[in-house]
């Protein structure tokens, strides 16, 4: 089959398919509005006209070449077909972009989905145009994308639909956030508690405490879970550090620092010392108690860990004498070992 015959047959096939498409669009009157069907029909007729113009152009071009040379068979049809469909696709793309520029997002989406078979760009175009419910339906039914569908329902303030999808995806914290958005605090706290329990089970005590404090507004429970993390060696330092950070009254904090130190076992004293460095810098009123605790820890460890003497400088940052004492101690210690 030469190119001329191929174009003739393609045109005949296209006209036949176009007739079936027109009948199909008219049949939509049974389940869609009259103006929606008219809109679809107009889009199709415009596109069909463009395609027919392209085919006619190719036909005329081929006829003018037939007298000078013959087209190659077989492979020539393949390249012609590809070129033709590329041109048609380009026309569709231009049409969709034209509609977007005119803010006709629904029409652009129909071009993407019906003519280009690109449901993702169709859904994204609807979303960009603010048609969130329609976009969600495409994400869900055509693309099976629950995450983007839920996000669109959330934008549309269809919170119950979004909640159902987030439940299916087991995004418990997001479910809690949306219940809180609609003032359903009972359900919100139920899901926040699930999140906190999951974090606790995975030894993520600081994250669990943030859920209690920020989401559920339960600072006492937040402190309990941090204290549990410290006592059970589950991210101990960060739990202790955050525990102290959440005590805003300086006198209460001073008392708590002393009280917890007295309960701290020997193997955790070095961790406690690291925490004291932070508390020492926090407030001048805390410096006496933190320095005293630091000295006790250093004195208790210096026999077996001489390098711990360097920690003194953190609790005496402006004392040049103590820096010299540290240097003399290290020098004397080294001489003792050499002798």
C-alpha atoms as a PDB file:
ATOM      1  CA  UNK A   1       0.000   0.000   0.000  1.00  0.00           C
ATOM      2  CA  UNK A   2       1.499   3.407  -0.990  1.00  0.00           C
ATOM      3  CA  UNK A   3       1.218   6.545   1.056  1.00  0.00           C
ATOM      4  CA  UNK A   4      -1.646   7.974  -0.988  1.00  0.00           C
ATOM      5  CA  UNK A   5      -3.841   4.907  -0.454  1.00  0.00           C
ATOM      6  CA  UNK A   6      -2.913   4.820   3.219  1.00  0.00           C
ATOM      7  CA  UNK A   7      -4.035   8.429   3.699  1.00  0.00           C
ATOM      8  CA  UNK A   8      -7.293   7.777   1.823  1.00  0.00           C
ATOM      9  CA  UNK A   9      -8.087   4.752   3.998  1.00  0.00           C
ATOM     10  CA  UNK A  10      -7.096   6.583   7.146  1.00  0.00           C
ATOM     11  CA  UNK A  11      -9.411   9.468   6.271  1.00  0.00           C
ATOM     12  CA  UNK A  12     -12.295   7.074   5.576  1.00  0.00           C
ATOM     13  CA  UNK A  13     -11.702   5.254   8.862  1.00  0.00           C
ATOM     14  CA  UNK A  14     -11.483   8.534  10.760  1.00  0.00           C
ATOM     15  CA  UNK A  15     -14.767   9.815   9.320  1.00  0.00           C
ATOM     16  CA  UNK A  16     -16.473   6.561  10.311  1.00  0.00           C
ATOM     17  CA  UNK A  17     -15.077   6.702  13.845  1.00  0.00           C
ATOM     18  CA  UNK A  18     -16.042  10.362  14.115  1.00  0.00           C
ATOM     19  CA  UNK A  19     -19.654   9.482  13.313  1.00  0.00           C
ATOM     20  CA  UNK A  20     -19.699   6.857  16.062  1.00  0.00           C
ATOM     21  CA  UNK A  21     -18.153   9.356  18.483  1.00  0.00           C
ATOM     22  CA  UNK A  22     -20.810  11.978  17.688  1.00  0.00           C
ATOM     23  CA  UNK A  23     -23.543   9.380  18.318  1.00  0.00           C
ATOM     24  CA  UNK A  24     -21.864   8.464  21.621  1.00  0.00           C
ATOM     25  CA  UNK A  25     -21.693  12.089  22.741  1.00  0.00           C
ATOM     26  CA  UNK A  26     -25.359  12.678  21.878  1.00  0.00           C
ATOM     27  CA  UNK A  27     -26.254   9.551  23.873  1.00  0.00           C
ATOM     28  CA  UNK A  28     -24.774  11.253  26.956  1.00  0.00           C
ATOM     29  CA  UNK A  29     -27.947  13.357  27.097  1.00  0.00           C
ATOM     30  CA  UNK A  30     -29.510  10.503  29.093  1.00  0.00           C
ATOM     31  CA  UNK A  31     -27.202  11.000  32.071  1.00  0.00           C
ATOM     32  CA  UNK A  32     -25.585  14.437  31.701  1.00  0.00           C
ATOM     33  CA  UNK A  33     -26.876  17.986  31.302  1.00  0.00           C
ATOM     34  CA  UNK A  34     -27.695  19.392  27.865  1.00  0.00           C
ATOM     35  CA  UNK A  35     -24.995  22.090  28.004  1.00  0.00           C
ATOM     36  CA  UNK A  36     -22.367  19.625  29.175  1.00  0.00           C
ATOM     37  CA  UNK A  37     -23.109  17.409  26.151  1.00  0.00           C
ATOM     38  CA  UNK A  38     -23.079  20.431  23.823  1.00  0.00           C
ATOM     39  CA  UNK A  39     -19.701  21.433  25.250  1.00  0.00           C
ATOM     40  CA  UNK A  40     -18.267  17.974  24.663  1.00  0.00           C
ATOM     41  CA  UNK A  41     -19.670  17.908  21.139  1.00  0.00           C
ATOM     42  CA  UNK A  42     -18.162  21.291  20.274  1.00  0.00           C
ATOM     43  CA  UNK A  43     -14.736  20.234  21.580  1.00  0.00           C
ATOM     44  CA  UNK A  44     -14.858  17.034  19.518  1.00  0.00           C
ATOM     45  CA  UNK A  45     -15.992  18.815  16.345  1.00  0.00           C
ATOM     46  CA  UNK A  46     -13.177  21.361  16.658  1.00  0.00           C
ATOM     47  CA  UNK A  47     -10.592  18.636  17.141  1.00  0.00           C
ATOM     48  CA  UNK A  48     -12.073  16.507  14.316  1.00  0.00           C
ATOM     49  CA  UNK A  49     -11.913  19.496  11.979  1.00  0.00           C
ATOM     50  CA  UNK A  50      -8.253  20.065  12.868  1.00  0.00           C
ATOM     51  CA  UNK A  51      -7.467  16.400  12.202  1.00  0.00           C
ATOM     52  CA  UNK A  52      -9.282  16.440   8.849  1.00  0.00           C
ATOM     53  CA  UNK A  53      -7.337  19.560   7.857  1.00  0.00           C
ATOM     54  CA  UNK A  54      -4.067  17.816   8.722  1.00  0.00           C
ATOM     55  CA  UNK A  55      -5.077  14.711   6.733  1.00  0.00           C
ATOM     56  CA  UNK A  56      -6.159  16.834   3.755  1.00  0.00           C
ATOM     57  CA  UNK A  57      -2.857  18.687   3.860  1.00  0.00           C
ATOM     58  CA  UNK A  58      -0.931  15.432   3.874  1.00  0.00           C
ATOM     59  CA  UNK A  59      -3.040  14.115   0.998  1.00  0.00           C
ATOM     60  CA  UNK A  60      -2.399  17.181  -1.154  1.00  0.00           C
ATOM     61  CA  UNK A  61       1.298  17.069  -0.320  1.00  0.00           C
ATOM     62  CA  UNK A  62       1.536  13.402  -1.283  1.00  0.00           C
ATOM     63  CA  UNK A  63      -0.287  13.942  -4.572  1.00  0.00           C
ATOM     64  CA  UNK A  64       2.165  16.672  -5.549  1.00  0.00           C
ATOM     65  CA  UNK A  65       5.082  14.323  -4.924  1.00  0.00           C
ATOM     66  CA  UNK A  66       3.735  11.303  -6.792  1.00  0.00           C
ATOM     67  CA  UNK A  67       4.794  12.586 -10.208  1.00  0.00           C
ATOM     68  CA  UNK A  68       8.411  13.074  -9.142  1.00  0.00           C
ATOM     69  CA  UNK A  69       9.113  10.016  -6.942  1.00  0.00           C
ATOM     70  CA  UNK A  70       7.387   7.040  -5.367  1.00  0.00           C
ATOM     71  CA  UNK A  71       7.077   6.502  -1.662  1.00  0.00           C
ATOM     72  CA  UNK A  72       8.684   3.478  -0.129  1.00  0.00           C
ATOM     73  CA  UNK A  73       6.345   0.670   0.936  1.00  0.00           C
ATOM     74  CA  UNK A  74       6.203  -1.039   4.346  1.00  0.00           C
ATOM     75  CA  UNK A  75       8.379   1.152   6.562  1.00  0.00           C
ATOM     76  CA  UNK A  76       7.072   4.320   4.914  1.00  0.00           C
ATOM     77  CA  UNK A  77       3.595   3.688   6.260  1.00  0.00           C
ATOM     78  CA  UNK A  78       4.990   3.314   9.752  1.00  0.00           C
ATOM     79  CA  UNK A  79       6.820   6.639   9.665  1.00  0.00           C
ATOM     80  CA  UNK A  80       3.843   8.405   8.094  1.00  0.00           C
ATOM     81  CA  UNK A  81       1.536   7.018  10.736  1.00  0.00           C
ATOM     82  CA  UNK A  82       3.842   8.114  13.544  1.00  0.00           C
ATOM     83  CA  UNK A  83       4.204  11.570  12.044  1.00  0.00           C
ATOM     84  CA  UNK A  84       0.443  11.893  11.666  1.00  0.00           C
ATOM     85  CA  UNK A  85      -0.315  10.891  15.229  1.00  0.00           C
ATOM     86  CA  UNK A  86       2.439  13.149  16.551  1.00  0.00           C
ATOM     87  CA  UNK A  87       0.822  16.077  14.769  1.00  0.00           C
ATOM     88  CA  UNK A  88      -2.610  15.194  16.065  1.00  0.00           C
ATOM     89  CA  UNK A  89      -1.275  14.845  19.612  1.00  0.00           C
ATOM     90  CA  UNK A  90       0.462  18.205  19.285  1.00  0.00           C
ATOM     91  CA  UNK A  91      -2.842  19.787  18.247  1.00  0.00           C
ATOM     92  CA  UNK A  92      -4.543  18.298  21.300  1.00  0.00           C
ATOM     93  CA  UNK A  93      -1.768  19.607  23.533  1.00  0.00           C
ATOM     94  CA  UNK A  94      -2.095  23.084  22.048  1.00  0.00           C
ATOM     95  CA  UNK A  95      -5.864  22.981  22.505  1.00  0.00           C
ATOM     96  CA  UNK A  96      -5.548  21.981  26.162  1.00  0.00           C
ATOM     97  CA  UNK A  97      -3.003  24.752  26.811  1.00  0.00           C
ATOM     98  CA  UNK A  98      -5.303  27.246  25.086  1.00  0.00           C
ATOM     99  CA  UNK A  99      -8.159  26.297  27.405  1.00  0.00           C
ATOM    100  CA  UNK A 100      -5.899  26.570  30.460  1.00  0.00           C
ATOM    101  CA  UNK A 101      -4.756  30.039  29.376  1.00  0.00           C
ATOM    102  CA  UNK A 102      -8.425  31.001  29.113  1.00  0.00           C
ATOM    103  CA  UNK A 103      -9.059  29.444  32.553  1.00  0.00           C
ATOM    104  CA  UNK A 104     -11.398  26.876  31.008  1.00  0.00           C
ATOM    105  CA  UNK A 105     -10.001  24.158  33.236  1.00  0.00           C
ATOM    106  CA  UNK A 106     -12.827  21.670  32.779  1.00  0.00           C
ATOM    107  CA  UNK A 107     -12.536  21.812  28.997  1.00  0.00           C
ATOM    108  CA  UNK A 108      -8.760  21.402  29.222  1.00  0.00           C
ATOM    109  CA  UNK A 109      -9.199  18.419  31.530  1.00  0.00           C
ATOM    110  CA  UNK A 110     -11.585  16.777  29.056  1.00  0.00           C
ATOM    111  CA  UNK A 111      -9.001  17.173  26.293  1.00  0.00           C
ATOM    112  CA  UNK A 112      -6.354  15.521  28.486  1.00  0.00           C
ATOM    113  CA  UNK A 113      -8.591  12.666  29.599  1.00  0.00           C
ATOM    114  CA  UNK A 114     -10.801  11.988  26.547  1.00  0.00           C
ATOM    115  CA  UNK A 115      -8.453  12.811  23.699  1.00  0.00           C
ATOM    116  CA  UNK A 116      -4.952  12.326  25.135  1.00  0.00           C
ATOM    117  CA  UNK A 117      -5.918   9.577  27.593  1.00  0.00           C
ATOM    118  CA  UNK A 118      -3.841  11.322  30.279  1.00  0.00           C
ATOM    119  CA  UNK A 119      -5.977  11.129  33.404  1.00  0.00           C
ATOM    120  CA  UNK A 120      -3.270  12.400  35.730  1.00  0.00           C
ATOM    121  CA  UNK A 121      -2.885  15.706  33.878  1.00  0.00           C
ATOM    122  CA  UNK A 122      -6.652  15.891  33.622  1.00  0.00           C
ATOM    123  CA  UNK A 123      -6.999  15.540  37.395  1.00  0.00           C
ATOM    124  CA  UNK A 124      -4.147  17.979  38.047  1.00  0.00           C
ATOM    125  CA  UNK A 125      -5.738  20.542  35.728  1.00  0.00           C
ATOM    126  CA  UNK A 126      -9.034  20.257  37.603  1.00  0.00           C
ATOM    127  CA  UNK A 127      -7.198  20.620  40.904  1.00  0.00           C
ATOM    128  CA  UNK A 128      -5.280  23.690  39.667  1.00  0.00           C
ATOM    129  CA  UNK A 129      -8.576  25.192  38.571  1.00  0.00           C
ATOM    130  CA  UNK A 130     -10.118  24.717  42.008  1.00  0.00           C
ATOM    131  CA  UNK A 131     -12.464  21.894  40.995  1.00  0.00           C
ATOM    132  CA  UNK A 132     -11.367  19.758  43.908  1.00  0.00           C
ATOM    133  CA  UNK A 133     -14.306  17.353  44.076  1.00  0.00           C
ATOM    134  CA  UNK A 134     -14.045  16.569  40.363  1.00  0.00           C
ATOM    135  CA  UNK A 135     -10.261  16.143  40.650  1.00  0.00           C
ATOM    136  CA  UNK A 136     -10.675  13.830  43.628  1.00  0.00           C
ATOM    137  CA  UNK A 137     -13.085  11.647  41.671  1.00  0.00           C
ATOM    138  CA  UNK A 138     -10.576  11.265  38.828  1.00  0.00           C
ATOM    139  CA  UNK A 139      -7.687  10.542  41.194  1.00  0.00           C
ATOM    140  CA  UNK A 140      -9.771   7.918  42.940  1.00  0.00           C
ATOM    141  CA  UNK A 141     -11.671   6.198  40.111  1.00  0.00           C
ATOM    142  CA  UNK A 142      -9.231   6.447  37.226  1.00  0.00           C
ATOM    143  CA  UNK A 143      -5.848   6.531  38.953  1.00  0.00           C
ATOM    144  CA  UNK A 144      -6.597   4.664  42.217  1.00  0.00           C
ATOM    145  CA  UNK A 145      -4.622   7.390  43.990  1.00  0.00           C
ATOM    146  CA  UNK A 146      -6.123   7.708  47.452  1.00  0.00           C
ATOM    147  CA  UNK A 147      -3.507  10.154  48.728  1.00  0.00           C
ATOM    148  CA  UNK A 148      -4.118  12.859  46.096  1.00  0.00           C
ATOM    149  CA  UNK A 149      -7.862  12.232  46.260  1.00  0.00           C
ATOM    150  CA  UNK A 150      -7.877  12.747  50.038  1.00  0.00           C
ATOM    151  CA  UNK A 151      -5.810  15.908  49.636  1.00  0.00           C
ATOM    152  CA  UNK A 152      -8.361  17.291  47.148  1.00  0.00           C
ATOM    153  CA  UNK A 153     -11.296  16.413  49.393  1.00  0.00           C
ATOM    154  CA  UNK A 154      -9.507  18.224  52.196  1.00  0.00           C
ATOM    155  CA  UNK A 155      -9.109  21.324  50.001  1.00  0.00           C
ATOM    156  CA  UNK A 156     -12.794  21.097  49.146  1.00  0.00           C
ATOM    157  CA  UNK A 157     -13.575  20.924  52.883  1.00  0.00           C
ATOM    158  CA  UNK A 158     -15.162  17.525  52.328  1.00  0.00           C
ATOM    159  CA  UNK A 159     -13.579  16.402  55.572  1.00  0.00           C
ATOM    160  CA  UNK A 160     -15.572  13.213  56.119  1.00  0.00           C
ATOM    161  CA  UNK A 161     -14.622  11.883  52.675  1.00  0.00           C
ATOM    162  CA  UNK A 162     -11.001  12.818  53.320  1.00  0.00           C
ATOM    163  CA  UNK A 163     -11.095  11.163  56.754  1.00  0.00           C
ATOM    164  CA  UNK A 164     -12.401   7.913  55.267  1.00  0.00           C
ATOM    165  CA  UNK A 165      -9.528   7.806  52.783  1.00  0.00           C
ATOM    166  CA  UNK A 166      -6.887   8.670  55.395  1.00  0.00           C
ATOM    167  CA  UNK A 167      -8.288   5.879  57.579  1.00  0.00           C
ATOM    168  CA  UNK A 168      -7.884   3.432  54.699  1.00  0.00           C
ATOM    169  CA  UNK A 169      -4.265   4.577  54.323  1.00  0.00           C
ATOM    170  CA  UNK A 170      -3.768   4.293  58.117  1.00  0.00           C
ATOM    171  CA  UNK A 171      -2.603   7.908  58.408  1.00  0.00           C
ATOM    172  CA  UNK A 172      -3.803   8.197  61.988  1.00  0.00           C
ATOM    173  CA  UNK A 173      -2.332  11.582  62.810  1.00  0.00           C
ATOM    174  CA  UNK A 174      -3.930  13.107  59.708  1.00  0.00           C
ATOM    175  CA  UNK A 175      -7.262  11.579  60.697  1.00  0.00           C
ATOM    176  CA  UNK A 176      -6.864  13.187  64.114  1.00  0.00           C
ATOM    177  CA  UNK A 177      -6.031  16.553  62.536  1.00  0.00           C
ATOM    178  CA  UNK A 178      -9.179  16.504  60.406  1.00  0.00           C
ATOM    179  CA  UNK A 179     -11.402  15.447  63.290  1.00  0.00           C
ATOM    180  CA  UNK A 180      -9.925  18.369  65.218  1.00  0.00           C
ATOM    181  CA  UNK A 181     -10.678  20.633  62.236  1.00  0.00           C
ATOM    182  CA  UNK A 182     -14.381  19.792  62.508  1.00  0.00           C
ATOM    183  CA  UNK A 183     -14.290  20.111  66.320  1.00  0.00           C
ATOM    184  CA  UNK A 184     -14.791  16.409  66.937  1.00  0.00           C
ATOM    185  CA  UNK A 185     -12.257  16.341  69.769  1.00  0.00           C
ATOM    186  CA  UNK A 186     -13.305  12.943  71.083  1.00  0.00           C
ATOM    187  CA  UNK A 187     -12.435  11.167  67.845  1.00  0.00           C
ATOM    188  CA  UNK A 188      -9.413  13.420  67.327  1.00  0.00           C
ATOM    189  CA  UNK A 189      -7.935  12.385  70.679  1.00  0.00           C
ATOM    190  CA  UNK A 190      -8.729   8.738  70.005  1.00  0.00           C
ATOM    191  CA  UNK A 191      -6.549   8.818  66.889  1.00  0.00           C
ATOM    192  CA  UNK A 192      -3.864  10.996  68.470  1.00  0.00           C
ATOM    193  CA  UNK A 193      -3.649   8.450  71.292  1.00  0.00           C
ATOM    194  CA  UNK A 194      -3.101   5.701  68.707  1.00  0.00           C
ATOM    195  CA  UNK A 195      -0.249   7.753  67.222  1.00  0.00           C
ATOM    196  CA  UNK A 196       1.315   8.362  70.642  1.00  0.00           C
ATOM    197  CA  UNK A 197       1.021   4.662  71.492  1.00  0.00           C
ATOM    198  CA  UNK A 198       2.703   3.708  68.216  1.00  0.00           C
ATOM    199  CA  UNK A 199       5.587   6.075  68.941  1.00  0.00           C
ATOM    200  CA  UNK A 200       5.934   4.736  72.479  1.00  0.00           C
ATOM    201  CA  UNK A 201       5.933   1.137  71.243  1.00  0.00           C
ATOM    202  CA  UNK A 202       8.753   2.058  68.842  1.00  0.00           C
ATOM    203  CA  UNK A 203      10.718   3.790  71.643  1.00  0.00           C
ATOM    204  CA  UNK A 204      10.211   7.213  70.014  1.00  0.00           C
ATOM    205  CA  UNK A 205       9.378   8.935  73.269  1.00  0.00           C
ATOM    206  CA  UNK A 206      10.125  12.490  72.197  1.00  0.00           C
ATOM    207  CA  UNK A 207       7.728  12.201  69.233  1.00  0.00           C
ATOM    208  CA  UNK A 208       5.083  10.703  71.500  1.00  0.00           C
ATOM    209  CA  UNK A 209       5.508  13.608  73.911  1.00  0.00           C
ATOM    210  CA  UNK A 210       5.034  16.111  71.087  1.00  0.00           C
ATOM    211  CA  UNK A 211       1.718  14.492  70.165  1.00  0.00           C
ATOM    212  CA  UNK A 212       0.549  14.808  73.777  1.00  0.00           C
ATOM    213  CA  UNK A 213       1.764  18.394  74.088  1.00  0.00           C
ATOM    214  CA  UNK A 214       1.030  19.909  70.668  1.00  0.00           C
ATOM    215  CA  UNK A 215      -1.917  17.885  69.394  1.00  0.00           C
ATOM    216  CA  UNK A 216      -3.765  16.788  72.525  1.00  0.00           C
ATOM    217  CA  UNK A 217      -2.743  19.718  74.755  1.00  0.00           C
ATOM    218  CA  UNK A 218      -1.816  17.357  77.606  1.00  0.00           C
ATOM    219  CA  UNK A 219       1.540  18.651  78.929  1.00  0.00           C
ATOM    220  CA  UNK A 220       1.429  16.374  81.989  1.00  0.00           C
ATOM    221  CA  UNK A 221       1.188  13.257  79.816  1.00  0.00           C
ATOM    222  CA  UNK A 222       3.983  14.599  77.639  1.00  0.00           C
ATOM    223  CA  UNK A 223       6.234  14.888  80.702  1.00  0.00           C
ATOM    224  CA  UNK A 224       5.296  11.389  81.865  1.00  0.00           C
ATOM    225  CA  UNK A 225       6.322   9.784  78.600  1.00  0.00           C
ATOM    226  CA  UNK A 226       9.621  11.724  78.562  1.00  0.00           C
ATOM    227  CA  UNK A 227      10.365  10.656  82.117  1.00  0.00           C
ATOM    228  CA  UNK A 228       9.542   7.068  81.147  1.00  0.00           C
ATOM    229  CA  UNK A 229      12.008   7.322  78.248  1.00  0.00           C
ATOM    230  CA  UNK A 230      14.731   8.615  80.577  1.00  0.00           C
ATOM    231  CA  UNK A 231      14.152   5.976  83.218  1.00  0.00           C
ATOM    232  CA  UNK A 232      13.927   3.094  80.743  1.00  0.00           C
ATOM    233  CA  UNK A 233      16.889   4.211  78.585  1.00  0.00           C
ATOM    234  CA  UNK A 234      14.770   4.833  75.497  1.00  0.00           C
ATOM    235  CA  UNK A 235      16.567   7.762  73.848  1.00  0.00           C
ATOM    236  CA  UNK A 236      17.520   8.772  77.390  1.00  0.00           C
ATOM    237  CA  UNK A 237      19.453  11.997  76.772  1.00  0.00           C
ATOM    238  CA  UNK A 238      16.861  13.572  74.434  1.00  0.00           C
ATOM    239  CA  UNK A 239      14.060  12.594  76.785  1.00  0.00           C
ATOM    240  CA  UNK A 240      15.832  14.192  79.761  1.00  0.00           C
ATOM    241  CA  UNK A 241      16.733  17.297  77.786  1.00  0.00           C
ATOM    242  CA  UNK A 242      13.143  17.787  76.565  1.00  0.00           C
ATOM    243  CA  UNK A 243      11.778  17.028  80.033  1.00  0.00           C
ATOM    244  CA  UNK A 244      13.792  19.902  81.487  1.00  0.00           C
ATOM    245  CA  UNK A 245      12.949  22.181  78.527  1.00  0.00           C
ATOM    246  CA  UNK A 246       9.221  21.826  79.264  1.00  0.00           C
ATOM    247  CA  UNK A 247       9.580  23.132  82.833  1.00  0.00           C
ATOM    248  CA  UNK A 248       9.305  26.900  82.549  1.00  0.00           C
ATOM    249  CA  UNK A 249       9.379  27.888  86.227  1.00  0.00           C
ATOM    250  CA  UNK A 250      13.047  28.245  87.222  1.00  0.00           C
ATOM    251  CA  UNK A 251      12.536  27.239  90.852  1.00  0.00           C
ATOM    252  CA  UNK A 252      10.603  24.116  89.876  1.00  0.00           C
ATOM    253  CA  UNK A 253      13.251  23.266  87.302  1.00  0.00           C
ATOM    254  CA  UNK A 254      16.033  23.681  89.856  1.00  0.00           C
ATOM    255  CA  UNK A 255      14.245  21.364  92.265  1.00  0.00           C
ATOM    256  CA  UNK A 256      13.548  18.789  89.542  1.00  0.00           C
ATOM    257  CA  UNK A 257      17.192  18.793  88.382  1.00  0.00           C
ATOM    258  CA  UNK A 258      18.343  18.020  91.934  1.00  0.00           C
ATOM    259  CA  UNK A 259      15.601  15.468  92.551  1.00  0.00           C
ATOM    260  CA  UNK A 260      16.231  13.473  89.371  1.00  0.00           C
ATOM    261  CA  UNK A 261      19.987  13.518  89.953  1.00  0.00           C
ATOM    262  CA  UNK A 262      19.553  11.885  93.343  1.00  0.00           C
ATOM    263  CA  UNK A 263      17.669   9.003  91.658  1.00  0.00           C
ATOM    264  CA  UNK A 264      20.143   8.613  88.785  1.00  0.00           C
ATOM    265  CA  UNK A 265      22.137   5.334  88.778  1.00  0.00           C
ATOM    266  CA  UNK A 266      25.919   5.462  88.342  1.00  0.00           C
ATOM    267  CA  UNK A 267      25.918   4.181  84.755  1.00  0.00           C
ATOM    268  CA  UNK A 268      23.748   7.138  83.641  1.00  0.00           C
ATOM    269  CA  UNK A 269      25.745   9.869  85.415  1.00  0.00           C
ATOM    270  CA  UNK A 270      27.690  10.798  82.259  1.00  0.00           C
ATOM    271  CA  UNK A 271      24.423  11.296  80.354  1.00  0.00           C
ATOM    272  CA  UNK A 272      23.186  13.487  83.196  1.00  0.00           C
ATOM    273  CA  UNK A 273      26.416  15.491  83.011  1.00  0.00           C
ATOM    274  CA  UNK A 274      25.777  16.196  79.315  1.00  0.00           C
ATOM    275  CA  UNK A 275      22.295  17.453  80.177  1.00  0.00           C
ATOM    276  CA  UNK A 276      23.755  19.759  82.859  1.00  0.00           C
ATOM    277  CA  UNK A 277      25.822  21.549  80.207  1.00  0.00           C
ATOM    278  CA  UNK A 278      22.601  22.689  78.537  1.00  0.00           C
ATOM    279  CA  UNK A 279      20.876  23.648  81.784  1.00  0.00           C
ATOM    280  CA  UNK A 280      23.930  25.599  82.989  1.00  0.00           C
ATOM    281  CA  UNK A 281      23.715  27.904  79.958  1.00  0.00           C
ATOM    282  CA  UNK A 282      19.949  28.302  80.172  1.00  0.00           C
ATOM    283  CA  UNK A 283      19.670  30.599  83.185  1.00  0.00           C
ATOM    284  CA  UNK A 284      22.230  32.064  85.642  1.00  0.00           C
ATOM    285  CA  UNK A 285      19.917  30.999  88.488  1.00  0.00           C
ATOM    286  CA  UNK A 286      20.491  27.363  87.514  1.00  0.00           C
ATOM    287  CA  UNK A 287      24.281  27.603  87.518  1.00  0.00           C
ATOM    288  CA  UNK A 288      24.876  26.811  91.213  1.00  0.00           C
ATOM    289  CA  UNK A 289      22.912  23.541  91.201  1.00  0.00           C
ATOM    290  CA  UNK A 290      24.170  22.383  87.796  1.00  0.00           C
ATOM    291  CA  UNK A 291      27.793  23.202  88.676  1.00  0.00           C
ATOM    292  CA  UNK A 292      27.497  21.360  91.993  1.00  0.00           C
ATOM    293  CA  UNK A 293      26.087  18.247  90.290  1.00  0.00           C
ATOM    294  CA  UNK A 294      28.774  18.423  87.589  1.00  0.00           C
ATOM    295  CA  UNK A 295      31.528  18.579  90.214  1.00  0.00           C
ATOM    296  CA  UNK A 296      30.108  15.539  92.009  1.00  0.00           C
ATOM    297  CA  UNK A 297      29.940  13.503  88.810  1.00  0.00           C
ATOM    298  CA  UNK A 298      33.433  14.523  87.713  1.00  0.00           C
ATOM    299  CA  UNK A 299      34.905  13.765  91.149  1.00  0.00           C
ATOM    300  CA  UNK A 300      33.298  10.331  91.136  1.00  0.00           C
ATOM    301  CA  UNK A 301      34.629   9.421  87.684  1.00  0.00           C
ATOM    302  CA  UNK A 302      38.073  11.042  87.665  1.00  0.00           C
ATOM    303  CA  UNK A 303      39.891   8.058  89.178  1.00  0.00           C
ATOM    304  CA  UNK A 304      39.055   5.827  86.222  1.00  0.00           C
ATOM    305  CA  UNK A 305      38.488   8.471  83.569  1.00  0.00           C
ATOM    306  CA  UNK A 306      41.064  11.226  83.956  1.00  0.00           C
ATOM    307  CA  UNK A 307      39.971  12.945  80.748  1.00  0.00           C
ATOM    308  CA  UNK A 308      36.704  13.889  82.442  1.00  0.00           C
ATOM    309  CA  UNK A 309      38.541  16.802  84.085  1.00  0.00           C
ATOM    310  CA  UNK A 310      38.099  18.680  80.785  1.00  0.00           C
ATOM    311  CA  UNK A 311      34.362  18.903  81.513  1.00  0.00           C
ATOM    312  CA  UNK A 312      35.085  21.480  84.243  1.00  0.00           C
ATOM    313  CA  UNK A 313      35.631  24.203  81.654  1.00  0.00           C
ATOM    314  CA  UNK A 314      31.973  24.015  80.554  1.00  0.00           C
ATOM    315  CA  UNK A 315      30.877  25.016  84.057  1.00  0.00           C
ATOM    316  CA  UNK A 316      33.550  27.715  84.479  1.00  0.00           C
ATOM    317  CA  UNK A 317      33.742  29.351  81.045  1.00  0.00           C
ATOM    318  CA  UNK A 318      35.297  32.637  82.237  1.00  0.00           C
ATOM    319  CA  UNK A 319      37.611  31.217  84.911  1.00  0.00           C
ATOM    320  CA  UNK A 320      41.178  31.236  83.560  1.00  0.00           C
ATOM    321  CA  UNK A 321      42.536  29.819  86.807  1.00  0.00           C
ATOM    322  CA  UNK A 322      40.574  26.601  86.487  1.00  0.00           C
ATOM    323  CA  UNK A 323      41.833  26.169  82.937  1.00  0.00           C
ATOM    324  CA  UNK A 324      45.384  26.354  84.269  1.00  0.00           C
ATOM    325  CA  UNK A 325      44.489  23.881  87.034  1.00  0.00           C
ATOM    326  CA  UNK A 326      43.148  21.464  84.416  1.00  0.00           C
ATOM    327  CA  UNK A 327      46.382  21.814  82.444  1.00  0.00           C
ATOM    328  CA  UNK A 328      48.521  21.204  85.569  1.00  0.00           C
ATOM    329  CA  UNK A 329      46.430  18.186  86.513  1.00  0.00           C
ATOM    330  CA  UNK A 330      46.853  16.632  83.070  1.00  0.00           C
ATOM    331  CA  UNK A 331      50.589  17.357  83.074  1.00  0.00           C
ATOM    332  CA  UNK A 332      51.036  15.849  86.543  1.00  0.00           C
ATOM    333  CA  UNK A 333      48.970  12.836  85.559  1.00  0.00           C
ATOM    334  CA  UNK A 334      51.107  12.249  82.483  1.00  0.00           C
ATOM    335  CA  UNK A 335      54.315  12.509  84.516  1.00  0.00           C
ATOM    336  CA  UNK A 336      52.978   9.983  87.007  1.00  0.00           C
ATOM    337  CA  UNK A 337      52.315   7.499  84.222  1.00  0.00           C
ATOM    338  CA  UNK A 338      55.764   8.075  82.646  1.00  0.00           C
ATOM    339  CA  UNK A 339      57.488   7.458  86.005  1.00  0.00           C
END
